[in-house]
C-alpha atoms as a PDB file:
ATOM      1  CA  MET A   1      13.696  -3.868  -4.649  1.00  0.00           C
ATOM      2  CA  ASN A   2      10.091  -5.325  -4.365  1.00  0.00           C
ATOM      3  CA  LYS A   3       7.761  -4.390  -1.449  1.00  0.00           C
ATOM      4  CA  SER A   4       8.008  -7.886   0.041  1.00  0.00           C
ATOM      5  CA  ALA A   5      11.805  -7.587   0.379  1.00  0.00           C
ATOM      6  CA  LYS A   6      11.812  -3.939   1.433  1.00  0.00           C
ATOM      7  CA  PHE A   7       9.511  -4.741   4.339  1.00  0.00           C
ATOM      8  CA  GLU A   8      10.674  -8.279   5.174  1.00  0.00           C
ATOM      9  CA  LYS A   9       7.307  -9.974   4.252  1.00  0.00           C
ATOM     10  CA  ASN A  10       7.183 -13.695   3.902  1.00  0.00           C
ATOM     11  CA  TYR A  11       3.948 -14.904   2.612  1.00  0.00           C
ATOM     12  CA  SER A  12       2.862 -18.222   0.953  1.00  0.00           C
ATOM     13  CA  PRO A  13       2.320 -17.996  -2.794  1.00  0.00           C
ATOM     14  CA  GLU A  14      -1.529 -17.848  -2.144  1.00  0.00           C
ATOM     15  CA  GLU A  15      -1.198 -15.153   0.580  1.00  0.00           C
ATOM     16  CA  ASP A  16       1.295 -13.264  -1.643  1.00  0.00           C
ATOM     17  CA  ALA A  17      -1.213 -12.986  -4.501  1.00  0.00           C
ATOM     18  CA  ARG A  18      -3.854 -11.672  -2.078  1.00  0.00           C
ATOM     19  CA  HIS A  19      -1.523  -9.060  -0.382  1.00  0.00           C
ATOM     20  CA  TYR A  20      -0.176  -8.048  -3.870  1.00  0.00           C
ATOM     21  CA  LYS A  21      -3.674  -7.215  -4.921  1.00  0.00           C
ATOM     22  CA  ILE A  22      -4.278  -5.175  -1.940  1.00  0.00           C
ATOM     23  CA  PHE A  23      -0.977  -3.442  -2.333  1.00  0.00           C
ATOM     24  CA  LYS A  24      -1.874  -2.296  -5.866  1.00  0.00           C
ATOM     25  CA  GLU A  25      -5.190  -1.021  -4.748  1.00  0.00           C
ATOM     26  CA  GLN A  26      -3.613   0.822  -1.845  1.00  0.00           C
ATOM     27  CA  LYS A  27      -0.781   2.226  -4.150  1.00  0.00           C
ATOM     28  CA  LYS A  28      -3.570   3.597  -6.506  1.00  0.00           C
ATOM     29  CA  ILE A  29      -5.364   5.270  -3.597  1.00  0.00           C
ATOM     30  CA  ILE A  30      -2.145   6.748  -2.558  1.00  0.00           C
ATOM     31  CA  GLU A  31      -1.286   8.060  -5.845  1.00  0.00           C
ATOM     32  CA  GLU A  32      -4.665   9.542  -6.444  1.00  0.00           C
ATOM     33  CA  HIS A  33      -4.559  11.290  -2.987  1.00  0.00           C
ATOM     34  CA  ASN A  34      -1.118  12.698  -3.724  1.00  0.00           C
ATOM     35  CA  LYS A  35      -2.251  14.103  -6.901  1.00  0.00           C
ATOM     36  CA  LYS A  36      -4.993  15.910  -4.949  1.00  0.00           C
ATOM     37  CA  PHE A  37      -2.324  17.237  -2.791  1.00  0.00           C
ATOM     38  CA  GLU A  38      -0.374  18.600  -5.692  1.00  0.00           C
ATOM     39  CA  GLU A  39      -3.499  20.358  -6.827  1.00  0.00           C
ATOM     40  CA  GLY A  40      -3.932  21.980  -3.467  1.00  0.00           C
ATOM     41  CA  LYS A  41      -7.156  19.970  -2.698  1.00  0.00           C
ATOM     42  CA  VAL A  42      -5.809  18.229   0.485  1.00  0.00           C
ATOM     43  CA  THR A  43      -3.149  19.258   2.945  1.00  0.00           C
ATOM     44  CA  TYR A  44      -1.071  16.199   3.430  1.00  0.00           C
ATOM     45  CA  THR A  45       0.620  13.370   1.381  1.00  0.00           C
ATOM     46  CA  MET A  46       0.341   9.702   1.768  1.00  0.00           C
ATOM     47  CA  ALA A  47       3.214   7.181   1.282  1.00  0.00           C
ATOM     48  CA  ILE A  48       3.817   3.358   0.973  1.00  0.00           C
ATOM     49  CA  ASN A  49       4.728   1.845   4.344  1.00  0.00           C
ATOM     50  CA  LYS A  50       4.817  -1.671   5.853  1.00  0.00           C
ATOM     51  CA  PHE A  51       0.964  -1.809   6.143  1.00  0.00           C
ATOM     52  CA  ALA A  52       0.239  -1.148   2.421  1.00  0.00           C
ATOM     53  CA  ASP A  53      -0.342  -4.736   1.598  1.00  0.00           C
ATOM     54  CA  MET A  54      -2.857  -5.258   4.404  1.00  0.00           C
ATOM     55  CA  ILE A  55      -6.307  -4.369   5.196  1.00  0.00           C
ATOM     56  CA  PHE A  56      -7.733  -3.428   8.663  1.00  0.00           C
ATOM     57  CA  PHE A  57      -8.518  -7.063   9.459  1.00  0.00           C
ATOM     58  CA  ASP A  58      -4.926  -8.070   8.969  1.00  0.00           C
ATOM     59  CA  CYS A  59      -3.563  -5.428  11.379  1.00  0.00           C
ATOM     60  CA  GLN A  60      -5.623  -6.590  14.310  1.00  0.00           C
END
């Protein structure tokens, strides 16, 4: 299941490309952070959620 279907997102093709780029960047940040968690460098994990393909401006 892709992220758009899982979180019921419906974007135009142009918006979808922009949001997918944001999603990939956020996913990388989350994976890097969770690696730090496994190494004991931070005390919490992060996860993909319905906002992972958005930037702060999109959430307002």
